[in-house]
PDB file of N, CA and C in Angstrom:
ATOM      1  N   MET A   1     161.197 -10.502 137.137  1.00  0.00           N
ATOM      2  CA  MET A   1     161.976  -9.808 136.124  1.00  0.00           C
ATOM      3  C   MET A   1     161.460 -10.170 134.730  1.00  0.00           C
ATOM      4  N   THR A   2     161.383  -9.214 133.871  1.00  0.00           N
ATOM      5  CA  THR A   2     160.910  -9.464 132.508  1.00  0.00           C
ATOM      6  C   THR A   2     162.083  -9.794 131.599  1.00  0.00           C
ATOM      7  N   ALA A   3     161.754 -10.326 130.402  1.00  0.00           N
ATOM      8  CA  ALA A   3     162.797 -10.632 129.425  1.00  0.00           C
ATOM      9  C   ALA A   3     163.584  -9.388 129.063  1.00  0.00           C
ATOM     10  N   ILE A   4     162.902  -8.249 129.044  1.00  0.00           N
ATOM     11  CA  ILE A   4     163.595  -6.997 128.722  1.00  0.00           C
ATOM     12  C   ILE A   4     164.618  -6.675 129.806  1.00  0.00           C
ATOM     13  N   ASP A   5     164.244  -6.864 131.074  1.00  0.00           N
ATOM     14  CA  ASP A   5     165.180  -6.601 132.171  1.00  0.00           C
ATOM     15  C   ASP A   5     166.396  -7.514 132.087  1.00  0.00           C
ATOM     16  N   VAL A   6     166.171  -8.781 131.793  1.00  0.00           N
ATOM     17  CA  VAL A   6     167.247  -9.777 131.772  1.00  0.00           C
ATOM     18  C   VAL A   6     168.193  -9.569 130.603  1.00  0.00           C
ATOM     19  N   THR A   7     167.670  -9.160 129.466  1.00  0.00           N
ATOM     20  CA  THR A   7     168.482  -9.049 128.256  1.00  0.00           C
ATOM     21  C   THR A   7     169.116  -7.687 128.055  1.00  0.00           C
ATOM     22  N   GLY A   8     168.556  -6.673 128.685  1.00  0.00           N
ATOM     23  CA  GLY A   8     169.031  -5.320 128.456  1.00  0.00           C
ATOM     24  C   GLY A   8     168.440  -4.695 127.200  1.00  0.00           C
ATOM     25  N   ALA A   9     167.528  -5.424 126.548  1.00  0.00           N
ATOM     26  CA  ALA A   9     166.894  -4.904 125.338  1.00  0.00           C
ATOM     27  C   ALA A   9     165.885  -3.818 125.701  1.00  0.00           C
ATOM     28  N   ARG A  10     165.511  -3.048 124.718  1.00  0.00           N
ATOM     29  CA  ARG A  10     164.545  -1.965 124.947  1.00  0.00           C
ATOM     30  C   ARG A  10     163.172  -2.270 124.380  1.00  0.00           C
ATOM     31  N   THR A  11     163.069  -3.390 123.635  1.00  0.00           N
ATOM     32  CA  THR A  11     161.759  -3.779 123.096  1.00  0.00           C
ATOM     33  C   THR A  11     161.557  -5.274 123.316  1.00  0.00           C
ATOM     34  N   PRO A  12     160.306  -5.699 123.382  1.00  0.00           N
ATOM     35  CA  PRO A  12     160.043  -7.138 123.515  1.00  0.00           C
ATOM     36  C   PRO A  12     160.593  -7.945 122.338  1.00  0.00           C
ATOM     37  N   GLU A  13     160.565  -7.354 121.159  1.00  0.00           N
ATOM     38  CA  GLU A  13     161.082  -8.046 119.975  1.00  0.00           C
ATOM     39  C   GLU A  13     162.576  -8.309 120.111  1.00  0.00           C
ATOM     40  N   ALA A  14     163.296  -7.284 120.498  1.00  0.00           N
ATOM     41  CA  ALA A  14     164.737  -7.447 120.684  1.00  0.00           C
ATOM     42  C   ALA A  14     165.026  -8.428 121.814  1.00  0.00           C
ATOM     43  N   ALA A  15     164.238  -8.373 122.868  1.00  0.00           N
ATOM     44  CA  ALA A  15     164.419  -9.307 123.991  1.00  0.00           C
ATOM     45  C   ALA A  15     164.230 -10.744 123.518  1.00  0.00           C
ATOM     46  N   GLY A  16     163.260 -10.970 122.648  1.00  0.00           N
ATOM     47  CA  GLY A  16     163.039 -12.309 122.107  1.00  0.00           C
ATOM     48  C   GLY A  16     164.211 -12.794 121.280  1.00  0.00           C
ATOM     49  N   VAL A  17     164.750 -11.903 120.441  1.00  0.00           N
ATOM     50  CA  VAL A  17     165.917 -12.258 119.625  1.00  0.00           C
ATOM     51  C   VAL A  17     167.099 -12.601 120.527  1.00  0.00           C
ATOM     52  N   ILE A  18     167.350 -11.768 121.512  1.00  0.00           N
ATOM     53  CA  ILE A  18     168.477 -11.977 122.421  1.00  0.00           C
ATOM     54  C   ILE A  18     168.311 -13.271 123.203  1.00  0.00           C
ATOM     55  N   THR A  19     167.127 -13.523 123.711  1.00  0.00           N
ATOM     56  CA  THR A  19     166.885 -14.751 124.478  1.00  0.00           C
ATOM     57  C   THR A  19     167.148 -15.979 123.614  1.00  0.00           C
ATOM     58  N   GLY A  20     166.651 -15.984 122.396  1.00  0.00           N
ATOM     59  CA  GLY A  20     166.887 -17.113 121.493  1.00  0.00           C
ATOM     60  C   GLY A  20     168.358 -17.283 121.158  1.00  0.00           C
ATOM     61  N   ALA A  21     169.032 -16.180 120.908  1.00  0.00           N
ATOM     62  CA  ALA A  21     170.455 -16.242 120.572  1.00  0.00           C
ATOM     63  C   ALA A  21     171.273 -16.725 121.769  1.00  0.00           C
ATOM     64  N   ARG A  22     170.899 -16.306 122.962  1.00  0.00           N
ATOM     65  CA  ARG A  22     171.614 -16.765 124.162  1.00  0.00           C
ATOM     66  C   ARG A  22     171.433 -18.267 124.370  1.00  0.00           C
ATOM     67  N   GLU A  23     170.244 -18.759 124.060  1.00  0.00           N
ATOM     68  CA  GLU A  23     170.017 -20.207 124.163  1.00  0.00           C
ATOM     69  C   GLU A  23     170.924 -20.957 123.193  1.00  0.00           C
ATOM     70  N   ARG A  24     171.073 -20.426 121.996  1.00  0.00           N
ATOM     71  CA  ARG A  24     171.970 -21.050 121.012  1.00  0.00           C
ATOM     72  C   ARG A  24     173.415 -20.988 121.479  1.00  0.00           C
ATOM     73  N   ILE A  25     173.818 -19.859 122.043  1.00  0.00           N
ATOM     74  CA  ILE A  25     175.181 -19.738 122.568  1.00  0.00           C
ATOM     75  C   ILE A  25     175.414 -20.747 123.687  1.00  0.00           C
ATOM     76  N   ASP A  26     174.430 -20.895 124.572  1.00  0.00           N
ATOM     77  CA  ASP A  26     174.572 -21.872 125.659  1.00  0.00           C
ATOM     78  C   ASP A  26     174.749 -23.289 125.106  1.00  0.00           C
ATOM     79  N   ALA A  27     173.985 -23.623 124.066  1.00  0.00           N
ATOM     80  CA  ALA A  27     174.108 -24.947 123.448  1.00  0.00           C
ATOM     81  C   ALA A  27     175.474 -25.103 122.779  1.00  0.00           C
ATOM     82  N   LEU A  28     175.940 -24.055 122.105  1.00  0.00           N
ATOM     83  CA  LEU A  28     177.272 -24.090 121.489  1.00  0.00           C
ATOM     84  C   LEU A  28     178.354 -24.240 122.550  1.00  0.00           C
ATOM     85  N   ASP A  29     178.219 -23.514 123.653  1.00  0.00           N
ATOM     86  CA  ASP A  29     179.199 -23.628 124.735  1.00  0.00           C
ATOM     87  C   ASP A  29     179.253 -25.051 125.274  1.00  0.00           C
ATOM     88  N   ASP A  30     178.093 -25.690 125.422  1.00  0.00           N
ATOM     89  CA  ASP A  30     178.074 -27.077 125.889  1.00  0.00           C
ATOM     90  C   ASP A  30     178.815 -27.989 124.916  1.00  0.00           C
ATOM     91  N   ARG A  31     178.618 -27.771 123.616  1.00  0.00           N
ATOM     92  CA  ARG A  31     179.335 -28.573 122.617  1.00  0.00           C
ATOM     93  C   ARG A  31     180.833 -28.299 122.652  1.00  0.00           C
ATOM     94  N   ILE A  32     181.207 -27.032 122.788  1.00  0.00           N
ATOM     95  CA  ILE A  32     182.623 -26.670 122.849  1.00  0.00           C
ATOM     96  C   ILE A  32     183.283 -27.321 124.059  1.00  0.00           C
ATOM     97  N   ILE A  33     182.624 -27.262 125.208  1.00  0.00           N
ATOM     98  CA  ILE A  33     183.172 -27.883 126.420  1.00  0.00           C
ATOM     99  C   ILE A  33     183.348 -29.383 126.210  1.00  0.00           C
ATOM    100  N   GLY A  34     182.360 -30.023 125.597  1.00  0.00           N
ATOM    101  CA  GLY A  34     182.475 -31.456 125.312  1.00  0.00           C
ATOM    102  C   GLY A  34     183.647 -31.758 124.393  1.00  0.00           C
ATOM    103  N   LEU A  35     183.843 -30.934 123.379  1.00  0.00           N
ATOM    104  CA  LEU A  35     184.969 -31.123 122.466  1.00  0.00           C
ATOM    105  C   LEU A  35     186.309 -30.902 123.171  1.00  0.00           C
ATOM    106  N   ILE A  36     186.358 -29.934 124.054  1.00  0.00           N
ATOM    107  CA  ILE A  36     187.594 -29.696 124.810  1.00  0.00           C
ATOM    108  C   ILE A  36     187.888 -30.902 125.700  1.00  0.00           C
ATOM    109  N   GLN A  37     186.872 -31.433 126.354  1.00  0.00           N
ATOM    110  CA  GLN A  37     187.072 -32.617 127.191  1.00  0.00           C
ATOM    111  C   GLN A  37     187.557 -33.793 126.352  1.00  0.00           C
ATOM    112  N   GLU A  38     187.022 -33.937 125.164  1.00  0.00           N
ATOM    113  CA  GLU A  38     187.477 -35.000 124.262  1.00  0.00           C
ATOM    114  C   GLU A  38     188.923 -34.769 123.848  1.00  0.00           C
ATOM    115  N   ARG A  39     189.282 -33.520 123.563  1.00  0.00           N
ATOM    116  CA  ARG A  39     190.659 -33.191 123.186  1.00  0.00           C
ATOM    117  C   ARG A  39     191.628 -33.503 124.316  1.00  0.00           C
ATOM    118  N   VAL A  40     191.234 -33.193 125.541  1.00  0.00           N
ATOM    119  CA  VAL A  40     192.074 -33.495 126.713  1.00  0.00           C
ATOM    120  C   VAL A  40     192.316 -35.006 126.794  1.00  0.00           C
ATOM    121  N   ALA A  41     191.280 -35.801 126.591  1.00  0.00           N
ATOM    122  CA  ALA A  41     191.417 -37.257 126.668  1.00  0.00           C
ATOM    123  C   ALA A  41     192.328 -37.797 125.565  1.00  0.00           C
ATOM    124  N   VAL A  42     192.170 -37.295 124.351  1.00  0.00           N
ATOM    125  CA  VAL A  42     193.022 -37.741 123.245  1.00  0.00           C
ATOM    126  C   VAL A  42     194.470 -37.330 123.494  1.00  0.00           C
ATOM    127  N   SER A  43     194.661 -36.132 124.007  1.00  0.00           N
ATOM    128  CA  SER A  43     196.005 -35.661 124.317  1.00  0.00           C
ATOM    129  C   SER A  43     196.666 -36.559 125.373  1.00  0.00           C
ATOM    130  N   ALA A  44     195.896 -37.008 126.348  1.00  0.00           N
ATOM    131  CA  ALA A  44     196.439 -37.901 127.382  1.00  0.00           C
ATOM    132  C   ALA A  44     196.921 -39.211 126.771  1.00  0.00           C
ATOM    133  N   VAL A  45     196.188 -39.733 125.798  1.00  0.00           N
ATOM    134  CA  VAL A  45     196.604 -40.962 125.116  1.00  0.00           C
ATOM    135  C   VAL A  45     197.939 -40.744 124.407  1.00  0.00           C
ATOM    136  N   ILE A  46     198.057 -39.612 123.726  1.00  0.00           N
ATOM    137  CA  ILE A  46     199.293 -39.287 123.007  1.00  0.00           C
ATOM    138  C   ILE A  46     200.457 -39.172 123.988  1.00  0.00           C
ATOM    139  N   GLN A  47     200.237 -38.456 125.080  1.00  0.00           N
ATOM    140  CA  GLN A  47     201.303 -38.273 126.069  1.00  0.00           C
ATOM    141  C   GLN A  47     201.739 -39.602 126.670  1.00  0.00           C
ATOM    142  N   GLU A  48     200.783 -40.459 126.993  1.00  0.00           N
ATOM    143  CA  GLU A  48     201.121 -41.766 127.558  1.00  0.00           C
ATOM    144  C   GLU A  48     201.944 -42.589 126.576  1.00  0.00           C
ATOM    145  N   ALA A  49     201.562 -42.582 125.292  1.00  0.00           N
ATOM    146  CA  ALA A  49     202.308 -43.330 124.278  1.00  0.00           C
ATOM    147  C   ALA A  49     203.705 -42.765 124.106  1.00  0.00           C
ATOM    148  N   ARG A  50     203.808 -41.447 124.112  1.00  0.00           N
ATOM    149  CA  ARG A  50     205.108 -40.813 123.941  1.00  0.00           C
ATOM    150  C   ARG A  50     206.026 -41.155 125.114  1.00  0.00           C
ATOM    151  N   ILE A  51     205.507 -41.051 126.328  1.00  0.00           N
ATOM    152  CA  ILE A  51     206.308 -41.336 127.521  1.00  0.00           C
ATOM    153  C   ILE A  51     206.689 -42.817 127.566  1.00  0.00           C
ATOM    154  N   ALA A  52     205.740 -43.697 127.240  1.00  0.00           N
ATOM    155  CA  ALA A  52     206.016 -45.142 127.248  1.00  0.00           C
ATOM    156  C   ALA A  52     207.109 -45.516 126.258  1.00  0.00           C
ATOM    157  N   SER A  53     207.244 -44.733 125.191  1.00  0.00           N
ATOM    158  CA  SER A  53     208.270 -45.019 124.190  1.00  0.00           C
ATOM    159  C   SER A  53     209.606 -44.352 124.521  1.00  0.00           C
ATOM    160  N   GLY A  54     209.661 -43.685 125.682  1.00  0.00           N
ATOM    161  CA  GLY A  54     210.897 -43.031 126.093  1.00  0.00           C
ATOM    162  C   GLY A  54     210.977 -41.570 125.706  1.00  0.00           C
ATOM    163  N   GLY A  55     209.902 -41.041 125.163  1.00  0.00           N
ATOM    164  CA  GLY A  55     209.892 -39.634 124.749  1.00  0.00           C
ATOM    165  C   GLY A  55     209.491 -38.704 125.880  1.00  0.00           C
ATOM    166  N   ARG A  56     209.460 -37.441 125.542  1.00  0.00           N
ATOM    167  CA  ARG A  56     209.054 -36.417 126.510  1.00  0.00           C
ATOM    168  C   ARG A  56     207.544 -36.249 126.480  1.00  0.00           C
ATOM    169  N   ARG A  57     207.019 -35.765 127.561  1.00  0.00           N
ATOM    170  CA  ARG A  57     205.569 -35.574 127.681  1.00  0.00           C
ATOM    171  C   ARG A  57     205.048 -34.541 126.692  1.00  0.00           C
ATOM    172  N   VAL A  58     205.810 -33.472 126.476  1.00  0.00           N
ATOM    173  CA  VAL A  58     205.384 -32.362 125.623  1.00  0.00           C
ATOM    174  C   VAL A  58     206.265 -32.313 124.386  1.00  0.00           C
ATOM    175  N   ASN A  59     205.634 -32.116 123.223  1.00  0.00           N
ATOM    176  CA  ASN A  59     206.352 -31.950 121.970  1.00  0.00           C
ATOM    177  C   ASN A  59     206.213 -30.484 121.564  1.00  0.00           C
ATOM    178  N   LEU A  60     207.251 -29.710 121.808  1.00  0.00           N
ATOM    179  CA  LEU A  60     207.175 -28.266 121.600  1.00  0.00           C
ATOM    180  C   LEU A  60     206.929 -27.882 120.148  1.00  0.00           C
ATOM    181  N   SER A  61     207.492 -28.625 119.203  1.00  0.00           N
ATOM    182  CA  SER A  61     207.254 -28.272 117.801  1.00  0.00           C
ATOM    183  C   SER A  61     205.781 -28.483 117.438  1.00  0.00           C
ATOM    184  N   ARG A  62     205.157 -29.520 117.981  1.00  0.00           N
ATOM    185  CA  ARG A  62     203.729 -29.731 117.743  1.00  0.00           C
ATOM    186  C   ARG A  62     202.919 -28.599 118.364  1.00  0.00           C
ATOM    187  N   GLU A  63     203.300 -28.178 119.571  1.00  0.00           N
ATOM    188  CA  GLU A  63     202.591 -27.070 120.213  1.00  0.00           C
ATOM    189  C   GLU A  63     202.704 -25.797 119.386  1.00  0.00           C
ATOM    190  N   MET A  64     203.851 -25.572 118.783  1.00  0.00           N
ATOM    191  CA  MET A  64     204.011 -24.387 117.925  1.00  0.00           C
ATOM    192  C   MET A  64     203.098 -24.484 116.702  1.00  0.00           C
ATOM    193  N   ASP A  65     202.943 -25.692 116.156  1.00  0.00           N
ATOM    194  CA  ASP A  65     202.019 -25.886 115.033  1.00  0.00           C
ATOM    195  C   ASP A  65     200.585 -25.546 115.449  1.00  0.00           C
ATOM    196  N   VAL A  66     200.185 -26.008 116.634  1.00  0.00           N
ATOM    197  CA  VAL A  66     198.834 -25.734 117.137  1.00  0.00           C
ATOM    198  C   VAL A  66     198.640 -24.231 117.328  1.00  0.00           C
ATOM    199  N   LEU A  67     199.613 -23.571 117.936  1.00  0.00           N
ATOM    200  CA  LEU A  67     199.532 -22.124 118.139  1.00  0.00           C
ATOM    201  C   LEU A  67     199.380 -21.390 116.810  1.00  0.00           C
ATOM    202  N   GLY A  68     200.160 -21.795 115.820  1.00  0.00           N
ATOM    203  CA  GLY A  68     200.089 -21.169 114.503  1.00  0.00           C
ATOM    204  C   GLY A  68     198.740 -21.385 113.840  1.00  0.00           C
ATOM    205  N   HIS A  69     198.207 -22.578 113.983  1.00  0.00           N
ATOM    206  CA  HIS A  69     196.902 -22.903 113.397  1.00  0.00           C
ATOM    207  C   HIS A  69     195.807 -22.006 113.973  1.00  0.00           C
ATOM    208  N   TYR A  70     195.784 -21.875 115.278  1.00  0.00           N
ATOM    209  CA  TYR A  70     194.778 -21.036 115.931  1.00  0.00           C
ATOM    210  C   TYR A  70     194.985 -19.556 115.612  1.00  0.00           C
ATOM    211  N   ARG A  71     196.240 -19.121 115.561  1.00  0.00           N
ATOM    212  CA  ARG A  71     196.525 -17.720 115.236  1.00  0.00           C
ATOM    213  C   ARG A  71     196.070 -17.399 113.820  1.00  0.00           C
ATOM    214  N   GLU A  72     196.339 -18.306 112.877  1.00  0.00           N
ATOM    215  CA  GLU A  72     195.927 -18.078 111.490  1.00  0.00           C
ATOM    216  C   GLU A  72     194.403 -18.024 111.365  1.00  0.00           C
ATOM    217  N   ALA A  73     193.710 -18.868 112.116  1.00  0.00           N
ATOM    218  CA  ALA A  73     192.256 -18.936 112.007  1.00  0.00           C
ATOM    219  C   ALA A  73     191.549 -17.819 112.762  1.00  0.00           C
ATOM    220  N   LEU A  74     192.117 -17.400 113.908  1.00  0.00           N
ATOM    221  CA  LEU A  74     191.397 -16.490 114.799  1.00  0.00           C
ATOM    222  C   LEU A  74     192.150 -15.216 115.153  1.00  0.00           C
ATOM    223  N   GLY A  75     193.330 -15.040 114.606  1.00  0.00           N
ATOM    224  CA  GLY A  75     194.118 -13.860 114.936  1.00  0.00           C
ATOM    225  C   GLY A  75     194.774 -13.984 116.306  1.00  0.00           C
ATOM    226  N   LYS A  76     195.233 -12.864 116.817  1.00  0.00           N
ATOM    227  CA  LYS A  76     195.955 -12.853 118.087  1.00  0.00           C
ATOM    228  C   LYS A  76     195.183 -13.526 119.228  1.00  0.00           C
ATOM    229  N   PRO A  77     193.870 -13.283 119.365  1.00  0.00           N
ATOM    230  CA  PRO A  77     193.140 -13.975 120.431  1.00  0.00           C
ATOM    231  C   PRO A  77     193.179 -15.505 120.279  1.00  0.00           C
ATOM    232  N   GLY A  78     193.337 -15.982 119.041  1.00  0.00           N
ATOM    233  CA  GLY A  78     193.450 -17.420 118.813  1.00  0.00           C
ATOM    234  C   GLY A  78     194.669 -18.011 119.488  1.00  0.00           C
ATOM    235  N   THR A  79     195.754 -17.238 119.532  1.00  0.00           N
ATOM    236  CA  THR A  79     196.964 -17.704 120.200  1.00  0.00           C
ATOM    237  C   THR A  79     196.703 -17.900 121.694  1.00  0.00           C
ATOM    238  N   ALA A  80     196.016 -16.951 122.301  1.00  0.00           N
ATOM    239  CA  ALA A  80     195.699 -17.074 123.726  1.00  0.00           C
ATOM    240  C   ALA A  80     194.778 -18.270 123.976  1.00  0.00           C
ATOM    241  N   LEU A  81     193.818 -18.476 123.087  1.00  0.00           N
ATOM    242  CA  LEU A  81     192.921 -19.616 123.219  1.00  0.00           C
ATOM    243  C   LEU A  81     193.702 -20.920 123.097  1.00  0.00           C
ATOM    244  N   ALA A  82     194.589 -20.998 122.124  1.00  0.00           N
ATOM    245  CA  ALA A  82     195.402 -22.201 121.939  1.00  0.00           C
ATOM    246  C   ALA A  82     196.288 -22.453 123.154  1.00  0.00           C
ATOM    247  N   MET A  83     196.856 -21.407 123.716  1.00  0.00           N
ATOM    248  CA  MET A  83     197.684 -21.570 124.918  1.00  0.00           C
ATOM    249  C   MET A  83     196.867 -22.178 126.053  1.00  0.00           C
ATOM    250  N   THR A  84     195.644 -21.719 126.213  1.00  0.00           N
ATOM    251  CA  THR A  84     194.772 -22.259 127.253  1.00  0.00           C
ATOM    252  C   THR A  84     194.452 -23.723 126.977  1.00  0.00           C
ATOM    253  N   LEU A  85     194.141 -24.046 125.728  1.00  0.00           N
ATOM    254  CA  LEU A  85     193.873 -25.440 125.378  1.00  0.00           C
ATOM    255  C   LEU A  85     195.083 -26.324 125.640  1.00  0.00           C
ATOM    256  N   LEU A  86     196.245 -25.851 125.236  1.00  0.00           N
ATOM    257  CA  LEU A  86     197.462 -26.636 125.456  1.00  0.00           C
ATOM    258  C   LEU A  86     197.705 -26.845 126.948  1.00  0.00           C
ATOM    259  N   GLU A  87     197.471 -25.838 127.733  1.00  0.00           N
ATOM    260  CA  GLU A  87     197.632 -25.962 129.190  1.00  0.00           C
ATOM    261  C   GLU A  87     196.658 -26.998 129.746  1.00  0.00           C
ATOM    262  N   LEU A  88     195.419 -26.956 129.308  1.00  0.00           N
ATOM    263  CA  LEU A  88     194.436 -27.945 129.748  1.00  0.00           C
ATOM    264  C   LEU A  88     194.841 -29.359 129.343  1.00  0.00           C
ATOM    265  N   CYS A  89     195.376 -29.491 128.150  1.00  0.00           N
ATOM    266  CA  CYS A  89     195.687 -30.817 127.610  1.00  0.00           C
ATOM    267  C   CYS A  89     196.990 -31.401 128.142  1.00  0.00           C
ATOM    268  N   ARG A  90     197.889 -30.565 128.604  1.00  0.00           N
ATOM    269  CA  ARG A  90     199.148 -31.079 129.146  1.00  0.00           C
ATOM    270  C   ARG A  90     198.913 -31.827 130.455  1.00  0.00           C
ATOM    271  N   GLY A  91     197.915 -31.426 131.200  1.00  0.00           N
ATOM    272  CA  GLY A  91     197.721 -32.018 132.527  1.00  0.00           C
ATOM    273  C   GLY A  91     198.797 -31.520 133.464  1.00  0.00           C
ATOM    274  N   LYS A  92     198.948 -32.212 134.553  1.00  0.00           N
ATOM    275  CA  LYS A  92     199.963 -31.814 135.533  1.00  0.00           C
ATOM    276  C   LYS A  92     201.325 -32.323 135.097  1.00  0.00           C
ATOM    277  N   ILE A  93     202.253 -31.388 134.986  1.00  0.00           N
ATOM    278  CA  ILE A  93     203.617 -31.747 134.565  1.00  0.00           C
ATOM    279  C   ILE A  93     204.488 -31.916 135.791  1.00  0.00           C
TER     280      ILE A  93
END
């Protein structure tokens, strides 16, 4: 298969641009995944401290702040992204 076949481009030049951009996206995705894993770990520390102090595992007002932050930065899709992050970070309830 040629780069043109793989990218859907119609010229070798466009195929080169697409291939390079996809490599950058893959690298960004790896960084994003690493940051999400770090966020999950930090969230676990917070939850453990909250529970150890007699609090609840989830702080709904904080979750609303996070949802608002993502919505303001990314619009409606940001809310869905934040919901997914919060679900990942809560762990098993």
